[in-house]
Structure formats: structure tokens, C-alpha cells
Amino acid sequence: MKAEDTDWLVYHRIPDNATISEKELAESCGLDAADLTGSLARLERSCLIERREDGIRMLNFGEALLKNQCKYEKDLPYTVENGVIKARK
């Protein structure tokens, strides 16, 4: 399976407004740990998901937009660190 297809599958198996464990997600998608880890890393770099200790969750539109702005617009007066908006130093 191509990486794009794997990412599509994984992203659409993450529930809206809830978290899911990596183990549950791997079982749901039928993927091995290495393929799932690679897909989650790509989705996280694309600012589509967030991985936390309690599981993986899909970012809503506003969160994704804010993360992308912080990532690509270096002249913004704020940044996001661990889900907290902070003034840029």
C-alpha cells in the first residue's frame, strides 16, 4: 500500500472528538506497528492529528489552521506549546 493510501486509511479511522490508542488504531486498520508509526508521523507533521499519552486525536479545523500558521508564519506574535497559546519571545 502506498504511503498516501495508508495515511488516508489511518486518518479516517480516528474518531471525531475522541482519542484512540495506537493499538486500537492498528487493529482497526489492519496495519503493523511500523506502518502505523510512519503514517502517524506524517499526519502529525501535516498538522492533522495530535499524539498524546492518552492516545491519538484528530485536530479540528481551527486547531489545524493555528498549528499551520505557527509552523509556517514565523513572524506571528504567538506560538503554541503543548496546546497552550503563548506570546512569542
PDB file of N, CA and C in Angstrom:
ATOM      1  N   MET A   1       0.855  -1.181   0.000  1.00  0.00           N
ATOM      2  CA  MET A   1       0.000   0.000   0.000  1.00  0.00           C
ATOM      3  C   MET A   1       0.895   1.237   0.000  1.00  0.00           C
ATOM      4  N   LYS A   2       0.542   2.242  -0.803  1.00  0.00           N
ATOM      5  CA  LYS A   2       1.305   3.487  -0.853  1.00  0.00           C
ATOM      6  C   LYS A   2       1.102   4.267   0.445  1.00  0.00           C
ATOM      7  N   ALA A   3       2.080   5.113   0.750  1.00  0.00           N
ATOM      8  CA  ALA A   3       2.034   5.899   1.984  1.00  0.00           C
ATOM      9  C   ALA A   3       0.782   6.773   2.038  1.00  0.00           C
ATOM     10  N   GLU A   4       0.400   7.351   0.901  1.00  0.00           N
ATOM     11  CA  GLU A   4      -0.784   8.221   0.866  1.00  0.00           C
ATOM     12  C   GLU A   4      -2.045   7.435   1.199  1.00  0.00           C
ATOM     13  N   ASP A   5      -2.125   6.215   0.685  1.00  0.00           N
ATOM     14  CA  ASP A   5      -3.289   5.373   0.956  1.00  0.00           C
ATOM     15  C   ASP A   5      -3.338   4.961   2.427  1.00  0.00           C
ATOM     16  N   THR A   6      -2.179   4.668   2.978  1.00  0.00           N
ATOM     17  CA  THR A   6      -2.098   4.305   4.399  1.00  0.00           C
ATOM     18  C   THR A   6      -2.536   5.486   5.261  1.00  0.00           C
ATOM     19  N   ASP A   7      -2.047   6.680   4.921  1.00  0.00           N
ATOM     20  CA  ASP A   7      -2.403   7.878   5.690  1.00  0.00           C
ATOM     21  C   ASP A   7      -3.901   8.147   5.617  1.00  0.00           C
ATOM     22  N   TRP A   8      -4.481   7.974   4.445  1.00  0.00           N
ATOM     23  CA  TRP A   8      -5.924   8.174   4.264  1.00  0.00           C
ATOM     24  C   TRP A   8      -6.711   7.205   5.143  1.00  0.00           C
ATOM     25  N   LEU A   9      -6.298   5.939   5.129  1.00  0.00           N
ATOM     26  CA  LEU A   9      -6.964   4.915   5.935  1.00  0.00           C
ATOM     27  C   LEU A   9      -6.874   5.253   7.423  1.00  0.00           C
ATOM     28  N   VAL A  10      -5.672   5.561   7.884  1.00  0.00           N
ATOM     29  CA  VAL A  10      -5.456   5.849   9.303  1.00  0.00           C
ATOM     30  C   VAL A  10      -6.249   7.080   9.729  1.00  0.00           C
ATOM     31  N   TYR A  11      -6.164   8.146   8.949  1.00  0.00           N
ATOM     32  CA  TYR A  11      -6.846   9.394   9.302  1.00  0.00           C
ATOM     33  C   TYR A  11      -8.352   9.184   9.436  1.00  0.00           C
ATOM     34  N   HIS A  12      -8.927   8.416   8.559  1.00  0.00           N
ATOM     35  CA  HIS A  12     -10.379   8.216   8.578  1.00  0.00           C
ATOM     36  C   HIS A  12     -10.841   7.176   9.597  1.00  0.00           C
ATOM     37  N   ARG A  13      -9.919   6.515  10.261  1.00  0.00           N
ATOM     38  CA  ARG A  13     -10.277   5.598  11.344  1.00  0.00           C
ATOM     39  C   ARG A  13     -10.160   6.254  12.711  1.00  0.00           C
ATOM     40  N   ILE A  14      -9.669   7.482  12.752  1.00  0.00           N
ATOM     41  CA  ILE A  14      -9.577   8.220  14.019  1.00  0.00           C
ATOM     42  C   ILE A  14     -10.945   8.848  14.272  1.00  0.00           C
ATOM     43  N   PRO A  15     -11.551   8.580  15.426  1.00  0.00           N
ATOM     44  CA  PRO A  15     -12.902   9.109  15.689  1.00  0.00           C
ATOM     45  C   PRO A  15     -12.910  10.622  15.884  1.00  0.00           C
ATOM     46  N   ASP A  16     -14.012  11.244  15.485  1.00  0.00           N
ATOM     47  CA  ASP A  16     -14.191  12.680  15.719  1.00  0.00           C
ATOM     48  C   ASP A  16     -14.379  12.936  17.212  1.00  0.00           C
ATOM     49  N   ASN A  17     -13.755  13.976  17.718  1.00  0.00           N
ATOM     50  CA  ASN A  17     -13.929  14.424  19.102  1.00  0.00           C
ATOM     51  C   ASN A  17     -13.654  13.341  20.140  1.00  0.00           C
ATOM     52  N   ALA A  18     -12.713  12.459  19.851  1.00  0.00           N
ATOM     53  CA  ALA A  18     -12.349  11.409  20.800  1.00  0.00           C
ATOM     54  C   ALA A  18     -10.905  10.985  20.537  1.00  0.00           C
ATOM     55  N   THR A  19     -10.337  10.275  21.495  1.00  0.00           N
ATOM     56  CA  THR A  19      -8.996   9.741  21.300  1.00  0.00           C
ATOM     57  C   THR A  19      -9.082   8.237  21.078  1.00  0.00           C
ATOM     58  N   ILE A  20      -8.038   7.709  20.461  1.00  0.00           N
ATOM     59  CA  ILE A  20      -7.946   6.278  20.216  1.00  0.00           C
ATOM     60  C   ILE A  20      -6.504   5.873  20.469  1.00  0.00           C
ATOM     61  N   SER A  21      -6.293   4.710  21.020  1.00  0.00           N
ATOM     62  CA  SER A  21      -4.929   4.255  21.289  1.00  0.00           C
ATOM     63  C   SER A  21      -4.296   3.750  19.993  1.00  0.00           C
ATOM     64  N   GLU A  22      -2.972   3.724  19.962  1.00  0.00           N
ATOM     65  CA  GLU A  22      -2.269   3.211  18.786  1.00  0.00           C
ATOM     66  C   GLU A  22      -2.627   1.752  18.548  1.00  0.00           C
ATOM     67  N   LYS A  23      -2.769   0.992  19.615  1.00  0.00           N
ATOM     68  CA  LYS A  23      -3.109  -0.431  19.481  1.00  0.00           C
ATOM     69  C   LYS A  23      -4.488  -0.593  18.830  1.00  0.00           C
ATOM     70  N   GLU A  24      -5.474   0.167  19.308  1.00  0.00           N
ATOM     71  CA  GLU A  24      -6.821   0.096  18.727  1.00  0.00           C
ATOM     72  C   GLU A  24      -6.819   0.529  17.263  1.00  0.00           C
ATOM     73  N   LEU A  25      -6.044   1.565  16.969  1.00  0.00           N
ATOM     74  CA  LEU A  25      -5.977   2.068  15.605  1.00  0.00           C
ATOM     75  C   LEU A  25      -5.307   1.055  14.679  1.00  0.00           C
ATOM     76  N   ALA A  26      -4.241   0.430  15.145  1.00  0.00           N
ATOM     77  CA  ALA A  26      -3.565  -0.586  14.339  1.00  0.00           C
ATOM     78  C   ALA A  26      -4.495  -1.751  14.041  1.00  0.00           C
ATOM     79  N   GLU A  27      -5.252  -2.185  15.043  1.00  0.00           N
ATOM     80  CA  GLU A  27      -6.204  -3.284  14.849  1.00  0.00           C
ATOM     81  C   GLU A  27      -7.318  -2.882  13.885  1.00  0.00           C
ATOM     82  N   SER A  28      -7.814  -1.672  14.028  1.00  0.00           N
ATOM     83  CA  SER A  28      -8.892  -1.186  13.180  1.00  0.00           C
ATOM     84  C   SER A  28      -8.462  -1.090  11.714  1.00  0.00           C
ATOM     85  N   CYS A  29      -7.199  -0.689  11.496  1.00  0.00           N
ATOM     86  CA  CYS A  29      -6.689  -0.502  10.139  1.00  0.00           C
ATOM     87  C   CYS A  29      -6.058  -1.769   9.562  1.00  0.00           C
ATOM     88  N   GLY A  30      -5.724  -2.725  10.431  1.00  0.00           N
ATOM     89  CA  GLY A  30      -5.043  -3.924   9.973  1.00  0.00           C
ATOM     90  C   GLY A  30      -3.604  -3.661   9.565  1.00  0.00           C
ATOM     91  N   LEU A  31      -2.939  -2.735  10.259  1.00  0.00           N
ATOM     92  CA  LEU A  31      -1.560  -2.360   9.943  1.00  0.00           C
ATOM     93  C   LEU A  31      -0.607  -2.859  11.015  1.00  0.00           C
ATOM     94  N   ASP A  32       0.650  -3.059  10.619  1.00  0.00           N
ATOM     95  CA  ASP A  32       1.655  -3.400  11.624  1.00  0.00           C
ATOM     96  C   ASP A  32       2.159  -2.106  12.268  1.00  0.00           C
ATOM     97  N   ALA A  33       2.895  -2.251  13.346  1.00  0.00           N
ATOM     98  CA  ALA A  33       3.325  -1.087  14.143  1.00  0.00           C
ATOM     99  C   ALA A  33       4.186  -0.123  13.335  1.00  0.00           C
ATOM    100  N   ALA A  34       5.074  -0.624  12.482  1.00  0.00           N
ATOM    101  CA  ALA A  34       5.970   0.245  11.719  1.00  0.00           C
ATOM    102  C   ALA A  34       5.191   1.106  10.718  1.00  0.00           C
ATOM    103  N   ASP A  35       4.241   0.503  10.004  1.00  0.00           N
ATOM    104  CA  ASP A  35       3.440   1.271   9.042  1.00  0.00           C
ATOM    105  C   ASP A  35       2.582   2.311   9.750  1.00  0.00           C
ATOM    106  N   LEU A  36       2.001   1.942  10.884  1.00  0.00           N
ATOM    107  CA  LEU A  36       1.167   2.881  11.632  1.00  0.00           C
ATOM    108  C   LEU A  36       2.003   4.040  12.165  1.00  0.00           C
ATOM    109  N   THR A  37       3.165   3.742  12.721  1.00  0.00           N
ATOM    110  CA  THR A  37       4.032   4.788  13.266  1.00  0.00           C
ATOM    111  C   THR A  37       4.445   5.772  12.184  1.00  0.00           C
ATOM    112  N   GLY A  38       4.793   5.272  11.005  1.00  0.00           N
ATOM    113  CA  GLY A  38       5.170   6.149   9.893  1.00  0.00           C
ATOM    114  C   GLY A  38       4.019   7.035   9.461  1.00  0.00           C
ATOM    115  N   SER A  39       2.838   6.460   9.377  1.00  0.00           N
ATOM    116  CA  SER A  39       1.654   7.218   8.977  1.00  0.00           C
ATOM    117  C   SER A  39       1.319   8.292  10.012  1.00  0.00           C
ATOM    118  N   LEU A  40       1.363   7.944  11.276  1.00  0.00           N
ATOM    119  CA  LEU A  40       1.058   8.913  12.327  1.00  0.00           C
ATOM    120  C   LEU A  40       2.059  10.062  12.320  1.00  0.00           C
ATOM    121  N   ALA A  41       3.319   9.760  12.055  1.00  0.00           N
ATOM    122  CA  ALA A  41       4.339  10.816  11.984  1.00  0.00           C
ATOM    123  C   ALA A  41       4.041  11.768  10.832  1.00  0.00           C
ATOM    124  N   ARG A  42       3.662  11.239   9.678  1.00  0.00           N
ATOM    125  CA  ARG A  42       3.333  12.089   8.533  1.00  0.00           C
ATOM    126  C   ARG A  42       2.092  12.930   8.813  1.00  0.00           C
ATOM    127  N   LEU A  43       1.076  12.335   9.410  1.00  0.00           N
ATOM    128  CA  LEU A  43      -0.154  13.070   9.728  1.00  0.00           C
ATOM    129  C   LEU A  43       0.102  14.161  10.762  1.00  0.00           C
ATOM    130  N   GLU A  44       0.983  13.891  11.707  1.00  0.00           N
ATOM    131  CA  GLU A  44       1.314  14.886  12.729  1.00  0.00           C
ATOM    132  C   GLU A  44       2.112  16.037  12.116  1.00  0.00           C
ATOM    133  N   ARG A  45       3.061  15.716  11.231  1.00  0.00           N
ATOM    134  CA  ARG A  45       3.826  16.770  10.547  1.00  0.00           C
ATOM    135  C   ARG A  45       2.918  17.643   9.689  1.00  0.00           C
ATOM    136  N   SER A  46       1.859  17.055   9.170  1.00  0.00           N
ATOM    137  CA  SER A  46       0.905  17.800   8.338  1.00  0.00           C
ATOM    138  C   SER A  46      -0.122  18.567   9.170  1.00  0.00           C
ATOM    139  N   CYS A  47       0.021  18.525  10.482  1.00  0.00           N
ATOM    140  CA  CYS A  47      -0.871  19.235  11.410  1.00  0.00           C
ATOM    141  C   CYS A  47      -2.315  18.767  11.299  1.00  0.00           C
ATOM    142  N   LEU A  48      -2.518  17.467  11.141  1.00  0.00           N
ATOM    143  CA  LEU A  48      -3.859  16.899  11.066  1.00  0.00           C
ATOM    144  C   LEU A  48      -4.257  16.157  12.329  1.00  0.00           C
ATOM    145  N   ILE A  49      -3.265  15.646  13.073  1.00  0.00           N
ATOM    146  CA  ILE A  49      -3.541  14.894  14.301  1.00  0.00           C
ATOM    147  C   ILE A  49      -2.621  15.366  15.407  1.00  0.00           C
ATOM    148  N   GLU A  50      -2.940  14.909  16.610  1.00  0.00           N
ATOM    149  CA  GLU A  50      -2.092  15.160  17.777  1.00  0.00           C
ATOM    150  C   GLU A  50      -1.925  13.848  18.514  1.00  0.00           C
ATOM    151  N   ARG A  51      -0.673  13.506  18.811  1.00  0.00           N
ATOM    152  CA  ARG A  51      -0.396  12.301  19.607  1.00  0.00           C
ATOM    153  C   ARG A  51      -0.076  12.733  21.025  1.00  0.00           C
ATOM    154  N   ARG A  52      -0.790  12.138  21.970  1.00  0.00           N
ATOM    155  CA  ARG A  52      -0.586  12.430  23.389  1.00  0.00           C
ATOM    156  C   ARG A  52      -0.449  11.109  24.129  1.00  0.00           C
ATOM    157  N   GLU A  53      -0.177  11.205  25.416  1.00  0.00           N
ATOM    158  CA  GLU A  53      -0.031   9.993  26.234  1.00  0.00           C
ATOM    159  C   GLU A  53      -1.310   9.177  26.273  1.00  0.00           C
ATOM    160  N   ASP A  54      -2.463   9.852  26.267  1.00  0.00           N
ATOM    161  CA  ASP A  54      -3.730   9.135  26.374  1.00  0.00           C
ATOM    162  C   ASP A  54      -4.251   8.650  25.025  1.00  0.00           C
ATOM    163  N   GLY A  55      -3.561   8.961  23.930  1.00  0.00           N
ATOM    164  CA  GLY A  55      -3.965   8.457  22.627  1.00  0.00           C
ATOM    165  C   GLY A  55      -3.772   9.462  21.509  1.00  0.00           C
ATOM    166  N   ILE A  56      -4.396   9.168  20.406  1.00  0.00           N
ATOM    167  CA  ILE A  56      -4.296   9.975  19.200  1.00  0.00           C
ATOM    168  C   ILE A  56      -5.645  10.620  18.961  1.00  0.00           C
ATOM    169  N   ARG A  57      -5.618  11.888  18.573  1.00  0.00           N
ATOM    170  CA  ARG A  57      -6.879  12.557  18.274  1.00  0.00           C
ATOM    171  C   ARG A  57      -6.723  13.400  17.013  1.00  0.00           C
ATOM    172  N   MET A  58      -7.830  13.556  16.315  1.00  0.00           N
ATOM    173  CA  MET A  58      -7.884  14.381  15.120  1.00  0.00           C
ATOM    174  C   MET A  58      -8.016  15.840  15.555  1.00  0.00           C
ATOM    175  N   LEU A  59      -7.260  16.728  14.929  1.00  0.00           N
ATOM    176  CA  LEU A  59      -7.395  18.149  15.219  1.00  0.00           C
ATOM    177  C   LEU A  59      -8.605  18.703  14.493  1.00  0.00           C
ATOM    178  N   ASN A  60      -9.309  19.614  15.135  1.00  0.00           N
ATOM    179  CA  ASN A  60     -10.415  20.264  14.429  1.00  0.00           C
ATOM    180  C   ASN A  60      -9.829  21.325  13.491  1.00  0.00           C
ATOM    181  N   PHE A  61     -10.673  21.917  12.665  1.00  0.00           N
ATOM    182  CA  PHE A  61     -10.206  22.849  11.647  1.00  0.00           C
ATOM    183  C   PHE A  61      -9.437  24.023  12.251  1.00  0.00           C
ATOM    184  N   GLY A  62      -9.975  24.600  13.308  1.00  0.00           N
ATOM    185  CA  GLY A  62      -9.317  25.747  13.938  1.00  0.00           C
ATOM    186  C   GLY A  62      -7.942  25.399  14.488  1.00  0.00           C
ATOM    187  N   GLU A  63      -7.833  24.253  15.134  1.00  0.00           N
ATOM    188  CA  GLU A  63      -6.543  23.823  15.676  1.00  0.00           C
ATOM    189  C   GLU A  63      -5.530  23.579  14.563  1.00  0.00           C
ATOM    190  N   ALA A  64      -5.972  22.931  13.498  1.00  0.00           N
ATOM    191  CA  ALA A  64      -5.079  22.654  12.370  1.00  0.00           C
ATOM    192  C   ALA A  64      -4.614  23.960  11.724  1.00  0.00           C
ATOM    193  N   LEU A  65      -5.524  24.893  11.560  1.00  0.00           N
ATOM    194  CA  LEU A  65      -5.184  26.185  10.970  1.00  0.00           C
ATOM    195  C   LEU A  65      -4.164  26.924  11.832  1.00  0.00           C
ATOM    196  N   LEU A  66      -4.399  26.962  13.128  1.00  0.00           N
ATOM    197  CA  LEU A  66      -3.494  27.642  14.044  1.00  0.00           C
ATOM    198  C   LEU A  66      -2.113  26.988  14.048  1.00  0.00           C
ATOM    199  N   LYS A  67      -2.063  25.656  14.073  1.00  0.00           N
ATOM    200  CA  LYS A  67      -0.772  24.956  14.058  1.00  0.00           C
ATOM    201  C   LYS A  67      -0.009  25.237  12.770  1.00  0.00           C
ATOM    202  N   ASN A  68      -0.714  25.249  11.638  1.00  0.00           N
ATOM    203  CA  ASN A  68      -0.056  25.544  10.369  1.00  0.00           C
ATOM    204  C   ASN A  68       0.456  26.979  10.328  1.00  0.00           C
ATOM    205  N   GLN A  69      -0.313  27.912  10.852  1.00  0.00           N
ATOM    206  CA  GLN A  69       0.148  29.298  10.902  1.00  0.00           C
ATOM    207  C   GLN A  69       1.413  29.405  11.739  1.00  0.00           C
ATOM    208  N   CYS A  70       1.416  28.772  12.892  1.00  0.00           N
ATOM    209  CA  CYS A  70       2.587  28.832  13.768  1.00  0.00           C
ATOM    210  C   CYS A  70       3.794  28.162  13.128  1.00  0.00           C
ATOM    211  N   LYS A  71       3.542  27.127  12.367  1.00  0.00           N
ATOM    212  CA  LYS A  71       4.622  26.378  11.732  1.00  0.00           C
ATOM    213  C   LYS A  71       5.257  27.149  10.577  1.00  0.00           C
ATOM    214  N   TYR A  72       4.432  27.842   9.786  1.00  0.00           N
ATOM    215  CA  TYR A  72       4.934  28.449   8.560  1.00  0.00           C
ATOM    216  C   TYR A  72       5.060  29.969   8.591  1.00  0.00           C
ATOM    217  N   GLU A  73       4.377  30.637   9.500  1.00  0.00           N
ATOM    218  CA  GLU A  73       4.469  32.093   9.590  1.00  0.00           C
ATOM    219  C   GLU A  73       5.273  32.458  10.831  1.00  0.00           C
ATOM    220  N   LYS A  74       6.567  32.613  10.647  1.00  0.00           N
ATOM    221  CA  LYS A  74       7.476  32.822  11.775  1.00  0.00           C
ATOM    222  C   LYS A  74       7.363  34.216  12.399  1.00  0.00           C
ATOM    223  N   ASP A  75       6.664  35.148  11.738  1.00  0.00           N
ATOM    224  CA  ASP A  75       6.546  36.497  12.287  1.00  0.00           C
ATOM    225  C   ASP A  75       5.288  36.698  13.134  1.00  0.00           C
ATOM    226  N   LEU A  76       4.560  35.624  13.430  1.00  0.00           N
ATOM    227  CA  LEU A  76       3.381  35.734  14.295  1.00  0.00           C
ATOM    228  C   LEU A  76       3.805  36.091  15.716  1.00  0.00           C
ATOM    229  N   PRO A  77       2.992  36.858  16.432  1.00  0.00           N
ATOM    230  CA  PRO A  77       3.362  37.249  17.802  1.00  0.00           C
ATOM    231  C   PRO A  77       3.074  36.166  18.841  1.00  0.00           C
ATOM    232  N   TYR A  78       2.618  34.990  18.417  1.00  0.00           N
ATOM    233  CA  TYR A  78       2.310  33.916  19.359  1.00  0.00           C
ATOM    234  C   TYR A  78       2.794  32.572  18.807  1.00  0.00           C
ATOM    235  N   THR A  79       2.830  31.597  19.685  1.00  0.00           N
ATOM    236  CA  THR A  79       3.185  30.230  19.329  1.00  0.00           C
ATOM    237  C   THR A  79       2.320  29.281  20.155  1.00  0.00           C
ATOM    238  N   VAL A  80       2.273  28.027  19.782  1.00  0.00           N
ATOM    239  CA  VAL A  80       1.509  27.026  20.531  1.00  0.00           C
ATOM    240  C   VAL A  80       2.491  26.000  21.064  1.00  0.00           C
ATOM    241  N   GLU A  81       2.481  25.799  22.368  1.00  0.00           N
ATOM    242  CA  GLU A  81       3.350  24.816  23.017  1.00  0.00           C
ATOM    243  C   GLU A  81       2.491  23.919  23.893  1.00  0.00           C
ATOM    244  N   ASN A  82       2.438  22.639  23.564  1.00  0.00           N
ATOM    245  CA  ASN A  82       1.674  21.655  24.315  1.00  0.00           C
ATOM    246  C   ASN A  82       0.207  22.078  24.479  1.00  0.00           C
ATOM    247  N   GLY A  83      -0.356  22.623  23.410  1.00  0.00           N
ATOM    248  CA  GLY A  83      -1.766  23.014  23.428  1.00  0.00           C
ATOM    249  C   GLY A  83      -2.059  24.343  24.075  1.00  0.00           C
ATOM    250  N   VAL A  84      -1.012  25.084  24.469  1.00  0.00           N
ATOM    251  CA  VAL A  84      -1.186  26.382  25.118  1.00  0.00           C
ATOM    252  C   VAL A  84      -0.652  27.478  24.192  1.00  0.00           C
ATOM    253  N   ILE A  85      -1.466  28.507  23.961  1.00  0.00           N
ATOM    254  CA  ILE A  85      -1.040  29.634  23.149  1.00  0.00           C
ATOM    255  C   ILE A  85      -0.213  30.572  24.018  1.00  0.00           C
ATOM    256  N   LYS A  86       1.007  30.878  23.556  1.00  0.00           N
ATOM    257  CA  LYS A  86       1.915  31.722  24.320  1.00  0.00           C
ATOM    258  C   LYS A  86       2.445  32.836  23.433  1.00  0.00           C
ATOM    259  N   ALA A  87       2.763  33.969  24.065  1.00  0.00           N
ATOM    260  CA  ALA A  87       3.383  35.070  23.341  1.00  0.00           C
ATOM    261  C   ALA A  87       4.786  34.639  22.911  1.00  0.00           C
ATOM    262  N   ARG A  88       5.138  34.944  21.664  1.00  0.00           N
ATOM    263  CA  ARG A  88       6.470  34.594  21.164  1.00  0.00           C
ATOM    264  C   ARG A  88       7.495  35.521  21.781  1.00  0.00           C
ATOM    265  N   LYS A  89       8.608  34.954  22.193  1.00  0.00           N
ATOM    266  CA  LYS A  89       9.665  35.740  22.845  1.00  0.00           C
ATOM    267  C   LYS A  89      10.617  36.307  21.831  1.00  0.00           C
TER     268      LYS A  89
END
